[in-house]
Amino acid sequence: MWPADLHPTVKRLMTVRAMRSVVQGALAVDFVLYLHAMKWSGIDIGLLLSGGGIANTLFALTVGTLSDRYGRKPFILTYQILSVITTVIALITANPFYLVPAAILGGLGRGANGAAGGFGPAEMAWIAGYVSPAQRPRVYSTNSAFGFIGMGIGALLASSPALFHLWLPGPLSYRPLFAIGVIVAIAGLLIIVAIPEDRRHQQSDPEPAARTRKQENQLLSKLILTNMLNGLAIGVTGPLISYWFAIRFHIGPSAIAPVMALALFATGLSSVFQGRLAERIGAVRTVVWSRAGGLILLIMLPLMPLYPLAALVYLLRSICNRSTIGLRQALTLSLVQEDRHGLAISLNAVSMQLPQSVGPTIAGYLFEMGQLNLPFFVAAALQGVYVVLYDRIFRPHEPPRPGSERIEPNGVVNDLQ
């Protein structure tokens, strides 16, 4: 599944992402159900998830830019250490005084497809230094696929509280998932420690070199605008989807987790396919057509009268919507030169995460008011505008495709178009 000639550093970073995503997948399903089992209200759950989103945003706002100057590795190490500490806290106590800051700083319950939370811009920029521009759509799609497949495995683990309930009553049946999280975080930390960071090994981007800083900034401003629409749409539906399934159809983790797992596995496979399709028809066109299909399915989802039908629509929408993450990351990197990769990824993350962090609070409030369908229709309207703008703004700025560039022995990429 590795793309050809992939640098060992990239393989190790992908491996850590896959490991990390297993825990994220389990907690994306079960963390809100864990809080629900402890009698937290929908508003309280939404506020906690929003707090985690804001913390991620604050980290992302600075990490990417600082990593352009000081290197990527120190920030990923910091994230792994933070993951160990916050997951240990969640394992040993449910006291809100400790659990709330741990959940906010560690991003517990916010499935990030294996990304390093608010420190993700440093990780994405680290990978970019070892991958040529034309390879990025496929490599980042594969990286995204690893995250989705790992989250799928984690989602299967999310059904384990039903088994642990035999020995651990009530909310305690969710605690073993945090123990798994601690083990994975420590293993990831050890791998990151062993990775060397050679900042001299960088790929240069041929197309952005022709742009002025002013032109790059204009494109980044447009990226921020489109991402804000997308982020808010995701925030009012994604983080609380397992909670929505639970209260809408009166089901628990044993019914929700397998559906989440199947959707994630399918999305992972679709991510690989999307990366290859983008090499044929272009990344932007692939994103637009896929997201348009996801928009139709988003409108259909709350209208499904039975859980099996809703689950099928959710699975198909996941394939269409989330499998484009890698392509959108590749496009973001193609807008600027290498020395601004961290900045571009930071702005990409912040413009998504800030509005996304507001979404769970809005959705939690609407759920408490009995408005179970409205968040989906609001999200559909926002994503409709997003798809149109994305196509019009970024179609002229497609990332290069294989065959349009040549990598010289000294590592410099020459544009052949």
Protein backbone atom coordinates (compact mmCIF):
# COMPACT_ATOMS: atom_id res chain seq x y z
CA MET A 1 0.00 0.00 0.00
CA TRP A 2 3.04 2.27 0.33
CA PRO A 3 3.50 4.60 -2.67
CA ALA A 4 6.70 3.88 -4.61
CA ASP A 5 10.04 5.24 -3.33
CA LEU A 6 8.57 6.55 -0.09
CA HIS A 7 11.18 7.95 2.30
CA PRO A 8 11.64 5.99 5.59
CA THR A 9 10.74 9.06 7.65
CA VAL A 10 7.39 9.32 5.89
CA LYS A 11 6.73 5.61 6.48
CA ARG A 12 7.41 6.01 10.19
CA LEU A 13 5.17 9.06 10.46
CA MET A 14 2.40 7.19 8.66
CA THR A 15 2.85 4.24 11.03
CA VAL A 16 2.46 6.48 14.07
CA ARG A 17 -0.62 8.05 12.50
CA ALA A 18 -2.17 4.61 11.95
CA MET A 19 -1.50 3.63 15.58
CA ARG A 20 -2.85 6.92 16.90
CA SER A 21 -5.97 6.63 14.77
CA VAL A 22 -6.99 3.34 16.44
CA VAL A 23 -7.47 5.14 19.75
CA GLN A 24 -9.11 8.13 18.10
CA GLY A 25 -11.56 5.83 16.33
CA ALA A 26 -12.60 4.14 19.56
CA LEU A 27 -13.02 7.40 21.45
CA ALA A 28 -14.78 9.16 18.56
CA VAL A 29 -17.59 6.66 19.10
CA ASP A 30 -17.42 6.05 22.84
CA PHE A 31 -16.20 9.21 24.54
CA VAL A 32 -19.51 11.04 24.14
CA LEU A 33 -21.34 7.84 25.12
CA TYR A 34 -19.08 7.60 28.19
CA LEU A 35 -20.09 11.13 29.17
CA HIS A 36 -23.73 10.33 28.41
CA ALA A 37 -23.49 7.29 30.71
CA MET A 38 -22.27 9.65 33.44
CA LYS A 39 -25.45 11.74 32.94
CA TRP A 40 -23.81 14.63 31.13
CA SER A 41 -26.32 16.69 29.12
CA GLY A 42 -26.06 17.25 25.39
CA ILE A 43 -25.14 20.89 25.99
CA ASP A 44 -22.35 19.95 28.42
CA ILE A 45 -20.96 17.37 25.99
CA GLY A 46 -21.09 19.88 23.16
CA LEU A 47 -19.30 22.52 25.23
CA LEU A 48 -16.53 20.09 26.14
CA LEU A 49 -15.97 19.09 22.51
CA SER A 50 -16.03 22.76 21.53
CA GLY A 51 -13.38 23.45 24.16
CA GLY A 52 -11.19 20.75 22.67
CA GLY A 53 -11.67 22.28 19.23
CA ILE A 54 -10.66 25.73 20.47
CA ALA A 55 -7.54 24.31 22.13
CA ASN A 56 -6.60 22.53 18.90
CA THR A 57 -7.12 25.78 17.03
CA LEU A 58 -4.83 27.72 19.36
CA PHE A 59 -2.10 25.11 18.99
CA ALA A 60 -2.47 24.99 15.20
CA LEU A 61 -2.37 28.78 15.00
CA THR A 62 1.23 28.82 16.18
CA VAL A 63 2.71 25.36 15.69
CA GLY A 64 2.89 25.35 11.90
CA THR A 65 4.60 28.73 11.63
CA LEU A 66 7.04 27.97 14.44
CA SER A 67 7.88 24.61 12.89
CA ASP A 68 8.92 26.41 9.69
CA ARG A 69 11.61 28.07 11.79
CA TYR A 70 12.54 25.53 14.48
CA GLY A 71 11.83 22.18 12.82
CA ARG A 72 8.92 19.74 12.92
CA LYS A 73 10.08 17.04 15.31
CA PRO A 74 10.02 19.00 18.62
CA PHE A 75 6.34 19.78 18.17
CA ILE A 76 5.31 16.20 17.35
CA LEU A 77 7.25 14.99 20.39
CA THR A 78 5.38 17.53 22.51
CA TYR A 79 2.07 16.26 21.19
CA GLN A 80 2.92 12.63 21.94
CA ILE A 81 3.96 13.49 25.52
CA LEU A 82 0.73 15.46 25.97
CA SER A 83 -1.25 12.47 24.67
CA VAL A 84 0.34 10.16 27.23
CA ILE A 85 -0.42 12.52 30.12
CA THR A 86 -4.02 13.35 29.19
CA THR A 87 -4.97 9.73 28.45
CA VAL A 88 -3.54 8.60 31.80
CA ILE A 89 -5.72 11.20 33.52
CA ALA A 90 -8.82 9.97 31.69
CA LEU A 91 -7.94 6.40 32.69
CA ILE A 92 -7.62 7.02 36.41
CA THR A 93 -10.40 9.54 37.12
CA ALA A 94 -13.80 10.78 35.95
CA ASN A 95 -13.64 13.86 38.18
CA PRO A 96 -14.56 16.79 35.88
CA PHE A 97 -11.89 18.93 37.54
CA TYR A 98 -9.26 16.68 35.94
CA LEU A 99 -11.17 15.10 33.05
CA VAL A 100 -12.29 18.34 31.41
CA PRO A 101 -8.81 19.88 30.93
CA ALA A 102 -7.43 16.47 29.89
CA ALA A 103 -10.16 16.09 27.26
CA ILE A 104 -9.66 19.63 26.00
CA LEU A 105 -5.85 19.49 25.77
CA GLY A 106 -5.74 15.90 24.50
CA GLY A 107 -8.62 16.25 22.05
CA LEU A 108 -10.39 13.22 23.54
CA GLY A 109 -13.47 12.26 21.55
CA ARG A 110 -12.51 14.37 18.54
CA GLY A 111 -11.70 11.83 15.83
CA ALA A 112 -8.92 13.48 13.82
CA ASN A 113 -8.21 10.58 11.46
CA GLY A 114 -4.98 9.89 13.31
CA ALA A 115 -3.62 13.43 12.92
CA ALA A 116 -1.62 14.99 15.75
CA GLY A 117 -4.42 17.32 16.81
CA GLY A 118 -3.42 20.97 16.88
CA PHE A 119 0.17 19.90 16.26
CA GLY A 120 -0.85 18.29 12.96
CA PRO A 121 0.48 21.15 10.78
CA ALA A 122 4.04 20.27 11.86
CA GLU A 123 3.45 16.61 10.96
CA MET A 124 1.98 17.41 7.54
CA ALA A 125 4.80 19.84 6.74
CA TRP A 126 7.36 17.24 7.89
CA ILE A 127 5.99 14.73 5.39
CA ALA A 128 5.90 17.34 2.61
CA GLY A 129 9.66 17.83 2.88
CA TYR A 130 10.20 14.28 1.62
CA VAL A 131 7.54 14.13 -1.10
CA SER A 132 7.56 15.84 -4.49
CA PRO A 133 4.56 18.06 -5.37
CA ALA A 134 3.22 15.65 -8.00
CA GLN A 135 3.35 12.74 -5.53
CA ARG A 136 1.49 14.58 -2.77
CA PRO A 137 -2.12 13.86 -3.81
CA ARG A 138 -1.44 10.12 -3.73
CA VAL A 139 0.84 10.16 -0.66
CA TYR A 140 -1.48 12.33 1.41
CA SER A 141 -4.48 10.29 0.31
CA THR A 142 -2.64 7.13 1.41
CA ASN A 143 -1.72 8.81 4.69
CA SER A 144 -5.37 9.68 5.18
CA ALA A 145 -6.35 6.10 4.32
CA PHE A 146 -4.06 4.77 7.05
CA GLY A 147 -5.84 7.03 9.49
CA PHE A 148 -9.30 5.93 8.41
CA ILE A 149 -8.44 2.22 8.54
CA GLY A 150 -6.92 2.66 11.99
CA MET A 151 -10.01 4.53 13.13
CA GLY A 152 -12.10 1.69 11.74
CA ILE A 153 -10.22 -0.79 13.92
CA GLY A 154 -10.75 1.58 16.83
CA ALA A 155 -14.45 1.81 16.11
CA LEU A 156 -14.65 -1.98 16.38
CA LEU A 157 -13.00 -1.68 19.79
CA ALA A 158 -15.71 0.81 20.68
CA SER A 159 -18.16 -2.06 21.09
CA SER A 160 -16.02 -3.50 23.90
CA PRO A 161 -17.81 -1.68 26.77
CA ALA A 162 -20.68 -4.12 26.29
CA LEU A 163 -18.21 -6.92 27.14
CA PHE A 164 -16.41 -5.08 29.95
CA HIS A 165 -19.77 -4.27 31.49
CA LEU A 166 -19.81 -7.81 32.88
CA TRP A 167 -16.95 -6.87 35.23
CA LEU A 168 -17.01 -3.07 35.27
CA PRO A 169 -20.47 -1.62 35.89
CA GLY A 170 -21.83 1.55 34.30
CA PRO A 171 -19.38 4.15 32.98
CA LEU A 172 -16.40 2.12 34.27
CA SER A 173 -16.89 -0.25 31.33
CA TYR A 174 -15.44 2.47 29.06
CA ARG A 175 -12.20 2.88 31.04
CA PRO A 176 -10.20 0.03 29.38
CA LEU A 177 -10.25 2.05 26.14
CA PHE A 178 -8.18 4.71 27.87
CA ALA A 179 -5.67 2.05 28.94
CA ILE A 180 -5.24 1.09 25.29
CA GLY A 181 -4.79 4.78 24.54
CA VAL A 182 -1.94 5.08 27.02
CA ILE A 183 -0.09 2.11 25.50
CA VAL A 184 -0.46 3.44 21.95
CA ALA A 185 0.63 6.96 22.93
CA ILE A 186 3.80 5.64 24.59
CA ALA A 187 4.60 3.43 21.57
CA GLY A 188 4.14 6.39 19.22
CA LEU A 189 6.39 8.52 21.40
CA LEU A 190 9.21 5.96 21.17
CA ILE A 191 8.95 5.84 17.36
CA ILE A 192 9.01 9.63 17.03
CA VAL A 193 12.05 9.88 19.31
CA ALA A 194 13.97 7.57 16.96
CA ILE A 195 13.17 9.52 13.77
CA PRO A 196 15.97 11.85 12.61
CA GLU A 197 14.98 15.22 11.21
CA ASP A 198 17.20 16.33 8.33
CA ARG A 199 15.94 19.74 7.26
CA ARG A 200 18.34 19.78 4.32
CA HIS A 201 16.27 17.07 2.61
CA GLN A 202 13.46 19.15 1.16
CA GLN A 203 11.52 19.18 -2.08
CA SER A 204 11.03 22.55 -3.76
CA ASP A 205 7.73 23.45 -5.38
CA PRO A 206 8.05 24.66 -8.98
CA GLU A 207 4.63 26.24 -9.52
CA PRO A 208 4.36 28.45 -6.43
CA ALA A 209 7.83 29.86 -7.17
CA ALA A 210 6.24 31.93 -9.95
CA ARG A 211 3.81 33.50 -7.47
CA THR A 212 4.55 36.54 -5.38
CA ARG A 213 3.96 36.55 -1.63
CA LYS A 214 0.94 38.75 -2.29
CA GLN A 215 -0.56 36.16 -4.66
CA GLU A 216 0.11 33.37 -2.16
CA ASN A 217 -1.58 35.39 0.57
CA GLN A 218 -4.62 36.00 -1.62
CA LEU A 219 -4.98 32.27 -2.26
CA LEU A 220 -4.58 31.51 1.44
CA SER A 221 -7.29 34.07 2.25
CA LYS A 222 -9.66 32.32 -0.14
CA LEU A 223 -8.73 28.97 1.41
CA ILE A 224 -9.63 30.33 4.84
CA LEU A 225 -13.03 31.49 3.59
CA THR A 226 -13.99 28.15 2.07
CA ASN A 227 -12.65 26.20 5.04
CA MET A 228 -14.70 28.20 7.51
CA LEU A 229 -17.89 27.15 5.73
CA ASN A 230 -16.76 23.53 5.63
CA GLY A 231 -15.59 23.54 9.25
CA LEU A 232 -18.88 24.86 10.62
CA ALA A 233 -20.81 22.32 8.56
CA ILE A 234 -18.68 19.47 9.93
CA GLY A 235 -18.91 20.77 13.50
CA VAL A 236 -22.70 20.71 13.68
CA THR A 237 -22.93 17.09 12.51
CA GLY A 238 -19.68 15.11 12.86
CA PRO A 239 -18.54 15.16 16.51
CA LEU A 240 -21.99 14.26 17.91
CA ILE A 241 -23.02 11.72 15.28
CA SER A 242 -22.83 8.71 17.62
CA TYR A 243 -24.82 10.69 20.21
CA TRP A 244 -27.38 11.51 17.49
CA PHE A 245 -27.69 7.84 16.54
CA ALA A 246 -28.15 6.93 20.21
CA ILE A 247 -30.97 9.40 20.95
CA ARG A 248 -32.65 9.18 17.55
CA PHE A 249 -32.86 5.39 17.32
CA HIS A 250 -32.42 4.44 21.01
CA ILE A 251 -29.37 2.25 20.46
CA GLY A 252 -25.99 1.81 22.17
CA PRO A 253 -22.32 1.23 21.31
CA SER A 254 -22.83 -2.38 20.21
CA ALA A 255 -25.05 -1.16 17.34
CA ILE A 256 -23.23 2.07 16.53
CA ALA A 257 -19.60 0.92 16.63
CA PRO A 258 -19.76 -1.65 13.77
CA VAL A 259 -21.37 0.91 11.46
CA MET A 260 -18.72 3.48 12.32
CA ALA A 261 -16.01 0.88 11.73
CA LEU A 262 -17.37 -0.19 8.34
CA ALA A 263 -17.70 3.45 7.25
CA LEU A 264 -14.10 4.17 8.24
CA PHE A 265 -12.71 1.08 6.48
CA ALA A 266 -14.63 1.98 3.33
CA THR A 267 -13.44 5.58 3.55
CA GLY A 268 -9.84 4.42 3.87
CA LEU A 269 -10.10 2.36 0.70
CA SER A 270 -11.85 5.24 -1.04
CA SER A 271 -9.02 7.59 -0.03
CA VAL A 272 -6.51 5.44 -1.91
CA PHE A 273 -8.82 5.40 -4.93
CA GLN A 274 -9.30 9.18 -4.76
CA GLY A 275 -5.54 9.72 -4.80
CA ARG A 276 -5.20 7.67 -7.98
CA LEU A 277 -8.25 9.28 -9.58
CA ALA A 278 -6.79 12.73 -8.92
CA GLU A 279 -3.74 11.76 -11.00
CA ARG A 280 -6.08 11.26 -13.95
CA ILE A 281 -8.68 14.05 -13.67
CA GLY A 282 -7.12 16.45 -11.17
CA ALA A 283 -7.38 16.87 -7.40
CA VAL A 284 -9.86 19.76 -7.43
CA ARG A 285 -12.30 18.06 -9.79
CA THR A 286 -12.12 14.87 -7.72
CA VAL A 287 -12.85 16.81 -4.52
CA VAL A 288 -15.77 18.74 -6.04
CA TRP A 289 -17.58 15.74 -7.51
CA SER A 290 -17.07 13.62 -4.42
CA ARG A 291 -18.22 16.35 -2.04
CA ALA A 292 -21.27 17.07 -4.21
CA GLY A 293 -22.34 13.45 -3.77
CA GLY A 294 -21.74 13.75 -0.04
CA LEU A 295 -23.97 16.83 0.07
CA ILE A 296 -26.94 14.93 -1.34
CA LEU A 297 -26.42 12.13 1.17
CA LEU A 298 -26.15 14.64 4.04
CA ILE A 299 -29.65 15.90 3.23
CA MET A 300 -30.98 12.35 3.10
CA LEU A 301 -29.45 11.19 6.41
CA PRO A 302 -31.89 12.78 8.93
CA LEU A 303 -34.86 11.73 6.78
CA MET A 304 -34.15 8.01 7.15
CA PRO A 305 -36.87 6.39 9.31
CA LEU A 306 -34.89 3.29 10.35
CA TYR A 307 -31.40 2.85 11.74
CA PRO A 308 -30.19 0.41 9.01
CA LEU A 309 -31.14 2.95 6.32
CA ALA A 310 -29.53 5.81 8.22
CA ALA A 311 -26.42 3.70 8.72
CA LEU A 312 -26.18 2.97 4.98
CA VAL A 313 -26.52 6.64 4.07
CA TYR A 314 -23.94 7.57 6.71
CA LEU A 315 -21.50 5.01 5.26
CA LEU A 316 -21.91 6.29 1.70
CA ARG A 317 -21.58 9.90 2.81
CA SER A 318 -18.37 9.09 4.67
CA ILE A 319 -16.92 7.59 1.50
CA CYS A 320 -17.78 10.70 -0.51
CA ASN A 321 -16.92 13.37 2.03
CA ARG A 322 -14.02 12.33 4.20
CA SER A 323 -11.93 10.48 1.62
CA THR A 324 -10.97 13.83 0.05
CA ILE A 325 -8.94 14.99 3.07
CA GLY A 326 -5.57 14.00 1.59
CA LEU A 327 -6.30 15.73 -1.71
CA ARG A 328 -7.27 18.96 0.04
CA GLN A 329 -4.07 18.86 2.08
CA ALA A 330 -2.03 18.40 -1.10
CA LEU A 331 -3.76 21.39 -2.67
CA THR A 332 -3.01 23.54 0.38
CA LEU A 333 0.69 22.74 0.15
CA SER A 334 0.75 23.53 -3.58
CA LEU A 335 -0.36 27.11 -2.93
CA VAL A 336 2.92 28.19 -1.29
CA GLN A 337 6.66 27.53 -1.30
CA GLU A 338 8.28 25.02 1.09
CA ASP A 339 9.38 27.67 3.59
CA ARG A 340 5.70 28.49 4.19
CA HIS A 341 4.32 24.94 4.33
CA GLY A 342 3.87 25.08 8.09
CA LEU A 343 2.06 28.42 7.81
CA ALA A 344 -0.25 27.14 5.05
CA ILE A 345 -1.14 23.96 6.95
CA SER A 346 -1.70 25.99 10.13
CA LEU A 347 -4.08 28.37 8.37
CA ASN A 348 -5.81 25.40 6.75
CA ALA A 349 -6.27 23.75 10.15
CA VAL A 350 -7.28 26.88 12.07
CA SER A 351 -9.83 27.99 9.50
CA MET A 352 -11.43 24.54 9.76
CA GLN A 353 -11.12 23.95 13.48
CA LEU A 354 -12.29 27.30 14.81
CA PRO A 355 -15.77 27.18 13.25
CA GLN A 356 -15.81 23.41 13.74
CA SER A 357 -15.29 23.90 17.48
CA VAL A 358 -18.44 26.02 17.67
CA GLY A 359 -20.53 23.39 15.91
CA PRO A 360 -20.95 20.83 18.73
CA THR A 361 -22.32 23.49 21.09
CA ILE A 362 -24.89 24.55 18.50
CA ALA A 363 -25.81 20.94 17.74
CA GLY A 364 -25.98 19.99 21.42
CA TYR A 365 -28.36 22.88 22.10
CA LEU A 366 -30.59 21.95 19.14
CA PHE A 367 -30.64 18.30 20.22
CA GLU A 368 -31.72 19.31 23.73
CA MET A 369 -34.53 21.35 22.12
CA GLY A 370 -35.67 18.27 20.22
CA GLN A 371 -34.45 19.58 16.83
CA LEU A 372 -32.70 16.41 15.65
CA ASN A 373 -32.89 17.16 11.91
CA LEU A 374 -32.09 20.87 11.76
CA PRO A 375 -28.28 20.58 12.24
CA PHE A 376 -28.04 18.40 9.13
CA PHE A 377 -29.96 20.86 6.95
CA VAL A 378 -27.86 23.77 8.20
CA ALA A 379 -24.72 21.78 7.41
CA ALA A 380 -26.02 20.93 3.92
CA ALA A 381 -26.59 24.60 3.10
CA LEU A 382 -23.08 25.50 4.23
CA GLN A 383 -21.47 22.65 2.30
CA GLY A 384 -23.40 23.54 -0.84
CA VAL A 385 -21.81 27.00 -0.86
CA TYR A 386 -18.44 25.44 -0.02
CA VAL A 387 -18.47 23.09 -3.02
CA VAL A 388 -19.31 25.89 -5.45
CA LEU A 389 -16.62 28.22 -4.09
CA TYR A 390 -13.98 25.48 -3.93
CA ASP A 391 -14.49 24.65 -7.60
CA ARG A 392 -14.41 28.26 -8.80
CA ILE A 393 -11.46 29.38 -6.69
CA PHE A 394 -9.07 26.43 -6.90
CA ARG A 395 -9.72 24.83 -10.30
CA PRO A 396 -7.05 27.10 -11.89
CA HIS A 397 -4.53 26.03 -9.22
CA GLU A 398 -4.48 22.25 -9.56
CA PRO A 399 -1.44 20.53 -7.96
CA PRO A 400 0.96 19.12 -10.59
CA ARG A 401 0.37 15.53 -11.71
CA PRO A 402 2.98 12.78 -12.28
CA GLY A 403 4.79 13.32 -15.56
CA SER A 404 4.58 17.12 -15.28
CA GLU A 405 7.82 17.40 -13.32
CA ARG A 406 11.24 15.77 -13.08
CA ILE A 407 13.29 15.29 -9.89
CA GLU A 408 16.97 15.87 -10.49
CA PRO A 409 19.70 13.92 -8.61
CA ASN A 410 20.25 16.92 -6.34
CA GLY A 411 16.61 16.74 -5.22
CA VAL A 412 15.44 19.81 -7.14
CA VAL A 413 12.09 19.48 -8.92
CA ASN A 414 11.87 20.89 -12.45
CA ASP A 415 8.51 21.76 -13.98
CA LEU A 416 8.03 20.14 -17.40
CA GLN A 417 4.71 21.73 -18.27
